[in-house]
Amino acid sequence: MGLAENLRDDFQRIESETRKAAIYCSLSRAWMSVPNGVAKWTHSNCGDALPFIQDGLNMAFVATLAATYQDKKGSVTIPNLMKRLSGEPGAVYALAKARDALQNEVNSHLELAARAFDTIKHLKSYQSLKKLRDEVVAHHTPDPEKPRATHGPLNRLMVRTVRLVDHIAVAINGRRTATGTWVRKLRQQGVAFWSYGMDAFVTDFEARDPLCAADAVRALKMSETEACSFCRKVAPLQNSHVLPAFAYRWLRGRSGTGHIRHTDNPNRRVQDGLKLKWLCDDCEALFGIFETAFATKVFYPWQEGKHRVVYEDWLIKFCVSVSWRVLKYLRQLNSGHRYTADQLKLLHDAECRWRAYLRGEVEHPGKFEQHLLIFDNIESTTVRNLPRNINRFMTGAISFDIVGSQKSLMTFAKLGRFTIFGMIDKGPYVWKGTKVHLRHGELKPGEVVVPGGLLDLFRSKASYVDDAMKRMSPTQLAKIEDHVMHNLDRFCASDQFRSIEADIEMFGLGAVTRK
């Protein structure tokens, strides 16, 4: 057996175990999606049996997940496969040859996998996985309810593990696994199973709530199966990100604390960005291709100092996919916003043209161009009245909007230091050095010309973020400070810290302290 075949064989075993763990996890949690599930559980005549079934599934999940992360020599596990992929001579060459792909392409996906695995290794749930397994399986804790407290951390570890295995799958096989599809399918069946177990034996509760198992499943399927917003086929819809998930994963790592906060509620830590039941499996996969290309060839390499990137048509497709999502979401959210008749027509035309281009129905986005701005920390400027968080905002914030004036209109999507403008009405303004070309081009530092109004846009959005962070409670500030002090080396090496230093250099310590 050749090296590539051997690696693929090991990966297939890991993929199978990971999928098994994910399905156990999904089935054990599916009861929470049953309509009126808590009340039905309480009143069901199966109330004594249901907890044992749930605990059994949870035990199988944790034991299987822990097994995939064993570091035992000679075993086929994720840590050992990662060692082989990164350290075994000829591994990258063999995989590239077997896939008829470039070594750089394989390497870029392996680097994504390595970053994902490194993030996982910093999770407390990973570091104490063996102990958590013992607590869940053998109940080795004084408090019998303690195992249930592990659900949240282990769920997050499972999600990250599926993403990691998908990164490895793309490197080895050139495509993602079908684990997500399997989990969603089995979850629907799991909801039906739990609903039947609760409804079939309900006594007096049944009279007060006649919703039977079949009705519950039918209601679930109706909520899960609607027309895809992109291809418009009726199919099960996925939880789709409005802005790409990799940007939020990067932001969590950049923060130095492992968490992110939204401006609408800065006192609440979150793990991810806005998601909607939007896209079917096929369209989610299509957008994923564009996102992977941008993440591996531009986003992460640029953060690491590679400031010269030759691109092909994948870049404009990525930008159009982001602009389409921003436009689609905000038009639905702000349906009552007042636009002129001409603007409404342009908004509709832009959405249709971007969608048609991504579906291959037209050869280019037409007049609805894509422009990309890339920022770094400001070394010096003569511009006055800049917000004190300008460097942190320009290099680290994630934001989106529809912006413009009486003479222009565009979508705005900010992914850290990368800002994408989807032109709806370019107006009389001059843009130079920012346009994303249709076939190919090169991203590199250089002089650009943009409308002066963009300064006001960035100033107002940075000020908004700064004002929102001022509302953070002393308790949350203390938590951040405590986390930073316990992870000081990691925080000082973070990109966030470099932006903080730049803001202090421009505005003094007042940029990061509260009065």
Protein backbone atom coordinates (compact mmCIF):
# COMPACT_ATOMS: atom_id res chain seq x y z
CA MET A 1 0.00 0.00 0.00
CA GLY A 2 1.39 3.42 -0.99
CA LEU A 3 1.76 6.33 1.42
CA ALA A 4 -1.26 8.24 0.09
CA GLU A 5 -3.48 5.12 0.28
CA ASN A 6 -2.26 4.45 3.83
CA LEU A 7 -3.04 8.01 4.92
CA ARG A 8 -6.46 7.83 3.30
CA ASP A 9 -7.18 4.53 5.03
CA ASP A 10 -6.29 6.01 8.43
CA PHE A 11 -8.36 9.09 7.71
CA GLN A 12 -11.37 7.00 6.67
CA ARG A 13 -11.31 5.27 10.07
CA ILE A 14 -11.05 8.60 11.87
CA GLU A 15 -13.84 10.10 9.77
CA SER A 16 -16.07 7.14 10.61
CA GLU A 17 -15.47 7.48 14.36
CA THR A 18 -15.93 11.24 14.25
CA ARG A 19 -19.22 10.84 12.40
CA LYS A 20 -20.32 8.23 14.93
CA ALA A 21 -19.51 10.60 17.83
CA ALA A 22 -21.33 13.49 16.14
CA ILE A 23 -24.44 11.38 15.57
CA TYR A 24 -24.46 10.12 19.17
CA CYS A 25 -24.18 13.75 20.29
CA SER A 26 -26.96 14.93 17.99
CA LEU A 27 -29.35 12.13 18.98
CA SER A 28 -28.73 12.67 22.69
CA ARG A 29 -29.57 16.38 22.35
CA ALA A 30 -32.45 16.01 19.86
CA TRP A 31 -35.13 15.84 22.54
CA MET A 32 -34.60 19.56 23.17
CA SER A 33 -36.02 20.29 19.69
CA VAL A 34 -39.32 18.52 20.35
CA PRO A 35 -42.17 21.07 20.60
CA ASN A 36 -43.10 21.41 24.29
CA GLY A 37 -40.41 18.82 24.95
CA VAL A 38 -39.73 19.67 28.61
CA ALA A 39 -43.39 19.55 29.59
CA LYS A 40 -44.01 16.36 27.63
CA TRP A 41 -40.97 14.69 29.19
CA THR A 42 -42.29 15.60 32.64
CA HIS A 43 -45.77 14.19 32.02
CA SER A 44 -44.82 11.15 29.97
CA ASN A 45 -45.29 7.69 31.42
CA CYS A 46 -41.83 6.95 29.99
CA GLY A 47 -40.30 9.62 32.20
CA ASP A 48 -38.21 7.05 34.07
CA ALA A 49 -36.80 5.43 30.93
CA LEU A 50 -36.09 8.55 28.88
CA PRO A 51 -33.19 9.80 31.08
CA PHE A 52 -31.44 6.44 30.80
CA ILE A 53 -31.70 6.52 27.02
CA GLN A 54 -30.41 10.09 26.94
CA ASP A 55 -27.54 9.31 29.31
CA GLY A 56 -26.61 6.20 27.34
CA LEU A 57 -26.38 8.15 24.09
CA ASN A 58 -24.36 10.86 25.83
CA MET A 59 -21.96 8.29 27.26
CA ALA A 60 -21.47 6.71 23.83
CA PHE A 61 -20.80 10.17 22.39
CA VAL A 62 -18.17 11.14 24.97
CA ALA A 63 -16.41 7.77 24.92
CA THR A 64 -16.20 7.79 21.10
CA LEU A 65 -14.99 11.40 20.96
CA ALA A 66 -12.34 10.75 23.62
CA ALA A 67 -11.11 7.72 21.68
CA THR A 68 -10.53 9.81 18.53
CA TYR A 69 -8.18 12.08 20.49
CA GLN A 70 -6.06 9.42 22.20
CA ASP A 71 -2.35 10.06 21.82
CA LYS A 72 -1.41 6.40 22.20
CA LYS A 73 1.45 5.33 19.96
CA GLY A 74 0.39 3.23 17.01
CA SER A 75 -3.32 4.03 17.31
CA VAL A 76 -5.29 5.60 14.46
CA THR A 77 -6.39 8.88 16.05
CA ILE A 78 -6.52 12.55 15.13
CA PRO A 79 -3.30 13.56 16.99
CA ASN A 80 -1.33 10.73 15.38
CA LEU A 81 -2.69 11.46 11.90
CA MET A 82 -1.83 15.17 12.30
CA LYS A 83 1.74 14.16 13.24
CA ARG A 84 1.98 12.01 10.14
CA LEU A 85 0.62 14.69 7.83
CA SER A 86 2.97 17.35 9.17
CA GLY A 87 6.08 15.28 9.81
CA GLU A 88 6.18 12.22 7.57
CA PRO A 89 8.53 12.77 4.60
CA GLY A 90 6.76 12.78 1.28
CA ALA A 91 3.23 12.94 2.71
CA VAL A 92 2.26 16.18 0.97
CA TYR A 93 3.83 15.08 -2.32
CA ALA A 94 2.06 11.71 -2.20
CA LEU A 95 -1.35 13.26 -1.49
CA ALA A 96 -0.92 15.88 -4.20
CA LYS A 97 0.07 13.24 -6.72
CA ALA A 98 -2.84 10.97 -5.77
CA ARG A 99 -5.27 13.89 -6.13
CA ASP A 100 -3.59 15.31 -9.23
CA ALA A 101 -3.36 18.60 -7.33
CA LEU A 102 -0.64 21.15 -6.54
CA GLN A 103 1.40 20.62 -3.40
CA ASN A 104 0.69 24.22 -2.38
CA GLU A 105 -3.03 23.48 -2.47
CA VAL A 106 -2.64 20.44 -0.21
CA ASN A 107 -0.33 22.41 2.08
CA SER A 108 -2.80 25.28 2.44
CA HIS A 109 -5.55 22.93 3.64
CA LEU A 110 -3.16 21.16 5.98
CA GLU A 111 -2.25 24.54 7.45
CA LEU A 112 -5.94 25.25 8.06
CA ALA A 113 -6.24 21.86 9.75
CA ALA A 114 -3.17 22.58 11.88
CA ARG A 115 -4.64 25.91 13.00
CA ALA A 116 -7.96 24.26 13.82
CA PHE A 117 -6.22 21.53 15.81
CA ASP A 118 -4.11 24.08 17.65
CA THR A 119 -7.30 25.95 18.64
CA ILE A 120 -8.84 22.70 19.86
CA LYS A 121 -5.77 21.91 21.96
CA HIS A 122 -6.24 25.19 23.85
CA LEU A 123 -9.82 24.28 24.84
CA LYS A 124 -10.27 23.24 28.44
CA SER A 125 -12.67 20.52 27.32
CA TYR A 126 -9.90 19.00 25.18
CA GLN A 127 -7.24 19.29 27.87
CA SER A 128 -9.48 17.51 30.37
CA LEU A 129 -11.20 15.17 27.91
CA LYS A 130 -10.16 11.94 29.66
CA LYS A 131 -11.41 13.28 32.99
CA LEU A 132 -14.68 14.43 31.42
CA ARG A 133 -15.12 11.01 29.85
CA ASP A 134 -14.71 9.34 33.24
CA GLU A 135 -17.15 11.77 34.86
CA VAL A 136 -19.79 11.22 32.21
CA VAL A 137 -19.39 7.47 31.79
CA ALA A 138 -18.60 6.40 35.36
CA HIS A 139 -20.13 9.34 37.25
CA HIS A 140 -16.90 9.80 39.23
CA THR A 141 -18.12 13.00 40.86
CA PRO A 142 -19.74 13.74 44.21
CA ASP A 143 -22.55 15.57 42.41
CA PRO A 144 -24.61 13.22 40.20
CA GLU A 145 -25.77 16.21 38.13
CA LYS A 146 -22.20 17.24 37.32
CA PRO A 147 -21.95 15.23 34.06
CA ARG A 148 -24.80 17.27 32.55
CA ALA A 149 -22.73 20.44 33.07
CA THR A 150 -20.26 19.11 30.51
CA HIS A 151 -22.78 19.23 27.64
CA GLY A 152 -21.93 22.74 26.45
CA PRO A 153 -18.11 22.40 26.35
CA LEU A 154 -18.31 18.95 24.75
CA ASN A 155 -20.82 20.14 22.14
CA ARG A 156 -18.40 22.91 21.14
CA LEU A 157 -15.51 20.45 21.03
CA MET A 158 -17.56 18.16 18.78
CA VAL A 159 -18.38 20.99 16.38
CA ARG A 160 -14.73 22.01 16.16
CA THR A 161 -13.74 18.38 15.63
CA VAL A 162 -16.09 18.05 12.65
CA ARG A 163 -14.59 21.22 11.16
CA LEU A 164 -11.06 19.91 11.74
CA VAL A 165 -11.86 16.58 10.07
CA ASP A 166 -13.38 18.48 7.13
CA HIS A 167 -10.13 20.45 6.71
CA ILE A 168 -8.16 17.19 6.72
CA ALA A 169 -10.65 15.69 4.25
CA VAL A 170 -10.13 18.52 1.77
CA ALA A 171 -6.35 18.10 2.02
CA ILE A 172 -6.49 14.32 1.56
CA ASN A 173 -9.49 13.81 -0.73
CA GLY A 174 -10.16 17.26 -2.18
CA ARG A 175 -13.65 17.52 -0.67
CA ARG A 176 -15.36 17.84 2.68
CA THR A 177 -16.93 14.90 4.51
CA ALA A 178 -20.64 14.18 4.56
CA THR A 179 -20.75 14.22 8.37
CA GLY A 180 -22.81 17.40 8.53
CA THR A 181 -25.46 15.94 6.22
CA TRP A 182 -25.59 12.71 8.21
CA VAL A 183 -25.94 14.57 11.49
CA ARG A 184 -28.77 16.75 10.21
CA LYS A 185 -30.61 13.71 8.81
CA LEU A 186 -30.21 11.69 12.01
CA ARG A 187 -31.16 14.69 14.11
CA GLN A 188 -34.52 14.90 12.34
CA GLN A 189 -35.04 11.20 12.96
CA GLY A 190 -33.93 11.71 16.56
CA VAL A 191 -36.56 14.40 17.10
CA ALA A 192 -39.18 12.00 15.73
CA PHE A 193 -37.92 9.26 18.05
CA TRP A 194 -38.00 11.46 21.18
CA SER A 195 -41.36 12.92 20.21
CA TYR A 196 -42.83 9.44 19.83
CA GLY A 197 -41.35 8.33 23.14
CA MET A 198 -42.93 11.29 24.88
CA ASP A 199 -46.27 11.51 23.05
CA ALA A 200 -47.15 7.83 22.77
CA PHE A 201 -47.39 7.41 26.52
CA VAL A 202 -48.63 10.80 27.71
CA THR A 203 -51.57 10.60 30.13
CA ASP A 204 -53.40 13.68 31.36
CA PHE A 205 -50.99 15.98 29.54
CA GLU A 206 -52.19 14.63 26.21
CA ALA A 207 -55.64 16.06 26.77
CA ARG A 208 -54.19 19.53 27.24
CA ASP A 209 -51.83 19.29 24.26
CA PRO A 210 -53.13 17.05 21.46
CA LEU A 211 -50.01 17.55 19.30
CA CYS A 212 -49.02 13.98 18.44
CA ALA A 213 -45.65 12.62 17.33
CA ALA A 214 -46.51 12.75 13.63
CA ASP A 215 -47.65 16.39 13.97
CA ALA A 216 -44.45 17.28 15.82
CA VAL A 217 -42.30 15.71 13.12
CA ARG A 218 -44.38 17.34 10.39
CA ALA A 219 -43.99 20.75 12.08
CA LEU A 220 -40.28 20.20 12.40
CA LYS A 221 -39.90 19.24 8.73
CA MET A 222 -41.93 22.25 7.64
CA SER A 223 -39.64 24.56 9.62
CA GLU A 224 -36.51 22.82 8.30
CA THR A 225 -37.56 22.40 4.66
CA GLU A 226 -38.27 25.60 2.76
CA ALA A 227 -37.09 27.25 -0.43
CA CYS A 228 -33.34 27.91 -0.50
CA SER A 229 -32.74 31.66 -0.70
CA PHE A 230 -30.11 31.18 -3.39
CA CYS A 231 -31.13 28.36 -5.75
CA ARG A 232 -34.83 28.54 -4.68
CA LYS A 233 -35.22 24.77 -4.55
CA VAL A 234 -37.32 23.35 -1.73
CA ALA A 235 -34.87 21.43 0.46
CA PRO A 236 -33.69 21.11 4.07
CA LEU A 237 -32.02 24.41 4.98
CA GLN A 238 -28.75 24.78 6.86
CA ASN A 239 -27.73 27.33 9.45
CA SER A 240 -25.87 29.62 7.04
CA HIS A 241 -23.56 32.44 8.08
CA VAL A 242 -24.28 35.89 6.68
CA LEU A 243 -20.55 36.57 6.87
CA PRO A 244 -18.08 33.67 6.53
CA ALA A 245 -17.50 31.50 9.60
CA PHE A 246 -13.71 31.57 9.22
CA ALA A 247 -13.69 35.30 10.02
CA TYR A 248 -15.32 34.67 13.40
CA ARG A 249 -12.98 31.78 14.15
CA TRP A 250 -10.06 34.08 13.37
CA LEU A 251 -11.54 36.84 15.52
CA ARG A 252 -11.84 34.52 18.51
CA GLY A 253 -8.18 33.57 18.15
CA ARG A 254 -7.12 37.17 17.56
CA SER A 255 -8.82 38.45 20.67
CA GLY A 256 -6.40 36.72 23.01
CA THR A 257 -9.39 35.69 25.15
CA GLY A 258 -11.01 33.12 22.87
CA HIS A 259 -14.32 35.01 22.84
CA ILE A 260 -16.02 37.75 20.83
CA ARG A 261 -18.66 40.32 21.76
CA HIS A 262 -21.38 41.98 19.71
CA THR A 263 -22.02 45.71 19.92
CA ASP A 264 -25.73 45.20 20.64
CA ASN A 265 -24.86 43.45 23.93
CA PRO A 266 -21.18 43.82 24.85
CA ASN A 267 -21.74 42.15 28.23
CA ARG A 268 -22.48 38.80 26.59
CA ARG A 269 -19.70 36.66 25.19
CA VAL A 270 -20.55 34.80 21.97
CA GLN A 271 -18.83 32.15 19.90
CA ASP A 272 -20.08 32.85 16.40
CA GLY A 273 -21.64 35.33 14.02
CA LEU A 274 -25.16 35.71 12.68
CA LYS A 275 -26.64 32.52 11.14
CA LEU A 276 -29.94 31.99 9.36
CA LYS A 277 -31.90 29.09 7.89
CA TRP A 278 -31.03 30.19 4.40
CA LEU A 279 -29.18 27.83 2.12
CA CYS A 280 -29.54 24.20 1.08
CA ASP A 281 -26.64 21.74 1.28
CA ASP A 282 -25.55 22.30 -2.34
CA CYS A 283 -25.50 26.11 -2.10
CA GLU A 284 -23.79 26.00 1.29
CA ALA A 285 -21.10 23.80 -0.30
CA LEU A 286 -20.78 26.18 -3.28
CA PHE A 287 -20.21 29.17 -1.02
CA GLY A 288 -17.83 27.06 1.05
CA ILE A 289 -15.58 26.57 -2.00
CA PHE A 290 -15.24 30.35 -2.45
CA GLU A 291 -14.66 30.86 1.28
CA THR A 292 -11.98 28.17 1.49
CA ALA A 293 -10.12 29.69 -1.45
CA PHE A 294 -10.14 33.17 0.09
CA ALA A 295 -9.27 31.94 3.59
CA THR A 296 -6.34 29.79 2.49
CA LYS A 297 -4.93 31.99 -0.26
CA VAL A 298 -5.56 35.51 1.05
CA PHE A 299 -7.00 35.87 4.54
CA TYR A 300 -4.61 33.79 6.63
CA PRO A 301 -1.45 34.26 4.48
CA TRP A 302 -1.90 38.06 4.63
CA GLN A 303 -2.14 37.98 8.44
CA GLU A 304 1.16 36.08 8.45
CA GLY A 305 2.99 38.65 6.34
CA LYS A 306 2.45 37.40 2.76
CA HIS A 307 1.41 40.72 1.24
CA ARG A 308 1.50 39.72 -2.40
CA VAL A 309 -1.19 37.35 -3.67
CA VAL A 310 -1.96 36.41 -7.27
CA TYR A 311 -5.64 35.58 -7.63
CA GLU A 312 -7.98 34.08 -10.20
CA ASP A 313 -11.77 34.17 -10.56
CA TRP A 314 -12.27 32.62 -7.09
CA LEU A 315 -11.67 36.05 -5.53
CA ILE A 316 -14.46 37.88 -7.33
CA LYS A 317 -16.79 34.93 -6.70
CA PHE A 318 -16.01 35.10 -3.00
CA CYS A 319 -16.59 38.87 -2.90
CA VAL A 320 -19.85 38.58 -4.84
CA SER A 321 -21.06 35.80 -2.54
CA VAL A 322 -20.45 38.03 0.50
CA SER A 323 -22.06 41.08 -1.11
CA TRP A 324 -25.10 39.02 -2.15
CA ARG A 325 -25.59 37.71 1.39
CA VAL A 326 -25.28 41.17 2.94
CA LEU A 327 -27.74 42.64 0.46
CA LYS A 328 -30.21 39.75 0.78
CA TYR A 329 -30.20 39.80 4.58
CA LEU A 330 -30.41 43.57 5.06
CA ARG A 331 -33.16 43.97 2.46
CA GLN A 332 -35.21 41.40 4.40
CA LEU A 333 -34.34 42.93 7.76
CA ASN A 334 -34.98 46.54 6.77
CA SER A 335 -37.83 46.03 4.34
CA GLY A 336 -39.39 49.30 5.47
CA HIS A 337 -36.29 51.41 4.79
CA ARG A 338 -36.97 54.30 2.46
CA TYR A 339 -35.15 54.14 -0.84
CA THR A 340 -35.94 56.04 -4.00
CA ALA A 341 -37.63 54.18 -6.84
CA ASP A 342 -34.33 54.17 -8.76
CA GLN A 343 -32.46 52.79 -5.75
CA LEU A 344 -35.02 50.03 -5.21
CA LYS A 345 -34.62 48.95 -8.82
CA LEU A 346 -30.83 48.96 -8.49
CA LEU A 347 -30.98 46.92 -5.28
CA HIS A 348 -33.16 44.34 -7.00
CA ASP A 349 -30.98 44.29 -10.14
CA ALA A 350 -27.77 43.90 -8.09
CA GLU A 351 -29.16 40.99 -6.11
CA CYS A 352 -30.36 39.23 -9.26
CA ARG A 353 -27.13 39.88 -11.19
CA TRP A 354 -24.87 38.65 -8.35
CA ARG A 355 -27.01 35.54 -7.95
CA ALA A 356 -26.98 34.84 -11.69
CA TYR A 357 -23.20 35.28 -11.85
CA LEU A 358 -22.56 32.86 -8.98
CA ARG A 359 -24.91 30.33 -10.58
CA GLY A 360 -23.02 30.57 -13.89
CA GLU A 361 -25.96 32.09 -15.76
CA VAL A 362 -24.00 35.23 -16.76
CA GLU A 363 -20.27 35.67 -17.33
CA HIS A 364 -19.65 38.67 -15.06
CA PRO A 365 -21.35 40.85 -12.39
CA GLY A 366 -21.79 43.70 -14.88
CA LYS A 367 -21.78 47.21 -13.44
CA PHE A 368 -22.18 45.84 -9.92
CA GLU A 369 -18.44 45.72 -9.31
CA GLN A 370 -16.55 44.40 -6.30
CA HIS A 371 -13.86 46.48 -4.58
CA LEU A 372 -11.51 45.28 -1.87
CA LEU A 373 -9.64 47.42 0.66
CA ILE A 374 -6.97 45.92 2.94
CA PHE A 375 -5.87 47.82 6.05
CA ASP A 376 -3.00 47.69 8.50
CA ASN A 377 -2.22 49.57 11.69
CA ILE A 378 -1.81 53.31 11.13
CA GLU A 379 1.78 54.45 11.68
CA SER A 380 1.10 58.18 11.27
CA THR A 381 -1.68 60.43 9.95
CA THR A 382 -2.67 64.06 9.64
CA VAL A 383 -6.38 63.20 9.88
CA ARG A 384 -7.99 64.66 12.98
CA ASN A 385 -10.79 63.49 15.25
CA LEU A 386 -10.21 59.80 14.72
CA PRO A 387 -11.80 57.48 17.29
CA ARG A 388 -9.38 56.16 19.89
CA ASN A 389 -10.00 52.57 18.75
CA ILE A 390 -9.36 53.22 15.05
CA ASN A 391 -6.56 50.65 14.69
CA ARG A 392 -8.46 47.96 16.55
CA PHE A 393 -11.51 48.63 14.38
CA MET A 394 -9.73 48.83 11.04
CA THR A 395 -7.74 45.63 11.53
CA GLY A 396 -10.05 43.55 13.70
CA ALA A 397 -13.74 44.43 13.54
CA ILE A 398 -16.35 42.40 11.68
CA SER A 399 -19.27 44.41 10.37
CA PHE A 400 -21.68 44.71 7.45
CA ASP A 401 -24.20 47.24 6.15
CA ILE A 402 -25.72 48.91 3.10
CA VAL A 403 -24.08 52.34 2.86
CA GLY A 404 -23.93 55.30 0.54
CA SER A 405 -25.31 58.77 -0.10
CA GLN A 406 -27.74 60.48 -2.43
CA LYS A 407 -25.29 59.78 -5.26
CA SER A 408 -24.03 56.28 -4.42
CA LEU A 409 -25.09 52.98 -2.86
CA MET A 410 -23.12 49.84 -1.97
CA THR A 411 -22.91 46.87 0.35
CA PHE A 412 -20.20 46.99 2.99
CA ALA A 413 -18.68 43.86 4.53
CA LYS A 414 -15.70 44.13 6.88
CA LEU A 415 -13.79 40.94 7.74
CA GLY A 416 -10.98 42.11 9.98
CA ARG A 417 -8.55 44.10 7.87
CA PHE A 418 -10.38 43.17 4.65
CA THR A 419 -13.34 45.32 3.54
CA ILE A 420 -15.48 44.35 0.55
CA PHE A 421 -17.64 46.93 -1.21
CA GLY A 422 -20.32 45.60 -3.57
CA MET A 423 -21.20 48.45 -5.89
CA ILE A 424 -24.91 49.00 -6.45
CA ASP A 425 -24.64 52.60 -7.63
CA LYS A 426 -21.01 53.71 -7.97
CA GLY A 427 -22.00 57.30 -8.55
CA PRO A 428 -19.52 59.95 -9.75
CA TYR A 429 -16.79 58.89 -7.32
CA VAL A 430 -13.33 57.66 -8.26
CA TRP A 431 -11.98 54.29 -7.08
CA LYS A 432 -8.47 53.26 -8.12
CA GLY A 433 -6.41 50.25 -7.09
CA THR A 434 -9.31 48.50 -5.35
CA LYS A 435 -11.34 46.77 -8.08
CA VAL A 436 -11.42 42.97 -8.03
CA HIS A 437 -10.88 41.80 -11.60
CA LEU A 438 -12.91 39.11 -13.31
CA ARG A 439 -10.22 36.65 -14.45
CA HIS A 440 -7.05 37.34 -12.52
CA GLY A 441 -5.06 40.01 -10.73
CA GLU A 442 -2.69 40.64 -7.85
CA LEU A 443 -3.26 41.90 -4.33
CA LYS A 444 -0.35 43.91 -2.95
CA PRO A 445 0.29 47.04 -0.89
CA GLY A 446 0.13 50.21 -2.91
CA GLU A 447 -1.55 53.54 -3.43
CA VAL A 448 -5.32 53.54 -3.75
CA VAL A 449 -7.87 56.27 -4.42
CA VAL A 450 -11.28 56.05 -2.74
CA PRO A 451 -14.09 58.55 -2.09
CA GLY A 452 -13.44 60.89 0.83
CA GLY A 453 -16.77 59.92 2.34
CA LEU A 454 -15.31 56.53 3.33
CA LEU A 455 -13.34 58.27 6.08
CA ASP A 456 -16.58 59.40 7.67
CA LEU A 457 -17.98 55.89 7.26
CA PHE A 458 -15.08 54.23 9.08
CA ARG A 459 -14.96 56.99 11.68
CA SER A 460 -18.65 56.61 12.53
CA LYS A 461 -18.53 52.81 12.67
CA ALA A 462 -15.41 52.78 14.84
CA SER A 463 -17.01 55.33 17.19
CA TYR A 464 -20.13 53.17 17.40
CA VAL A 465 -18.05 50.17 18.45
CA ASP A 466 -16.10 52.28 20.96
CA ASP A 467 -19.32 53.61 22.51
CA ALA A 468 -20.75 50.09 22.71
CA MET A 469 -17.68 48.76 24.51
CA LYS A 470 -17.96 51.58 27.05
CA ARG A 471 -21.23 49.98 28.15
CA MET A 472 -19.44 46.86 29.28
CA SER A 473 -20.05 46.16 32.95
CA PRO A 474 -17.27 46.12 35.58
CA THR A 475 -17.91 42.40 36.04
CA GLN A 476 -17.21 41.64 32.38
CA LEU A 477 -14.16 43.90 32.37
CA ALA A 478 -12.82 42.02 35.38
CA LYS A 479 -13.35 38.70 33.59
CA ILE A 480 -11.42 39.96 30.56
CA GLU A 481 -8.59 41.25 32.72
CA ASP A 482 -8.42 37.98 34.64
CA HIS A 483 -8.32 35.94 31.44
CA VAL A 484 -5.61 38.15 29.95
CA MET A 485 -3.45 37.92 33.07
CA HIS A 486 -3.73 34.13 33.08
CA ASN A 487 -2.84 33.97 29.37
CA LEU A 488 -0.47 36.93 29.21
CA ASP A 489 2.08 35.43 26.81
CA ARG A 490 -0.62 34.38 24.37
CA PHE A 491 -2.33 37.77 24.55
CA CYS A 492 0.91 39.73 24.03
CA ALA A 493 1.61 37.65 20.92
CA SER A 494 -1.87 38.28 19.48
CA ASP A 495 -2.75 40.56 16.59
CA GLN A 496 -5.18 42.33 18.91
CA PHE A 497 -2.31 43.39 21.17
CA ARG A 498 -0.41 44.91 18.23
CA SER A 499 -3.47 47.01 17.35
CA ILE A 500 -3.83 48.09 20.97
CA GLU A 501 -0.19 49.21 20.93
CA ALA A 502 -0.86 51.21 17.75
CA ASP A 503 -3.85 52.97 19.35
CA ILE A 504 -1.79 53.79 22.45
CA GLU A 505 0.96 55.17 20.22
CA MET A 506 -1.57 57.48 18.54
CA PHE A 507 -3.78 58.48 21.47
CA GLY A 508 -1.95 57.59 24.69
CA LEU A 509 -3.08 55.22 27.44
CA GLY A 510 -6.52 56.85 27.43
CA ALA A 511 -7.24 54.82 24.30
CA VAL A 512 -7.51 51.62 26.35
CA THR A 513 -8.38 52.78 29.89
CA ARG A 514 -11.70 53.81 31.37
CA LYS A 515 -12.17 56.82 33.60
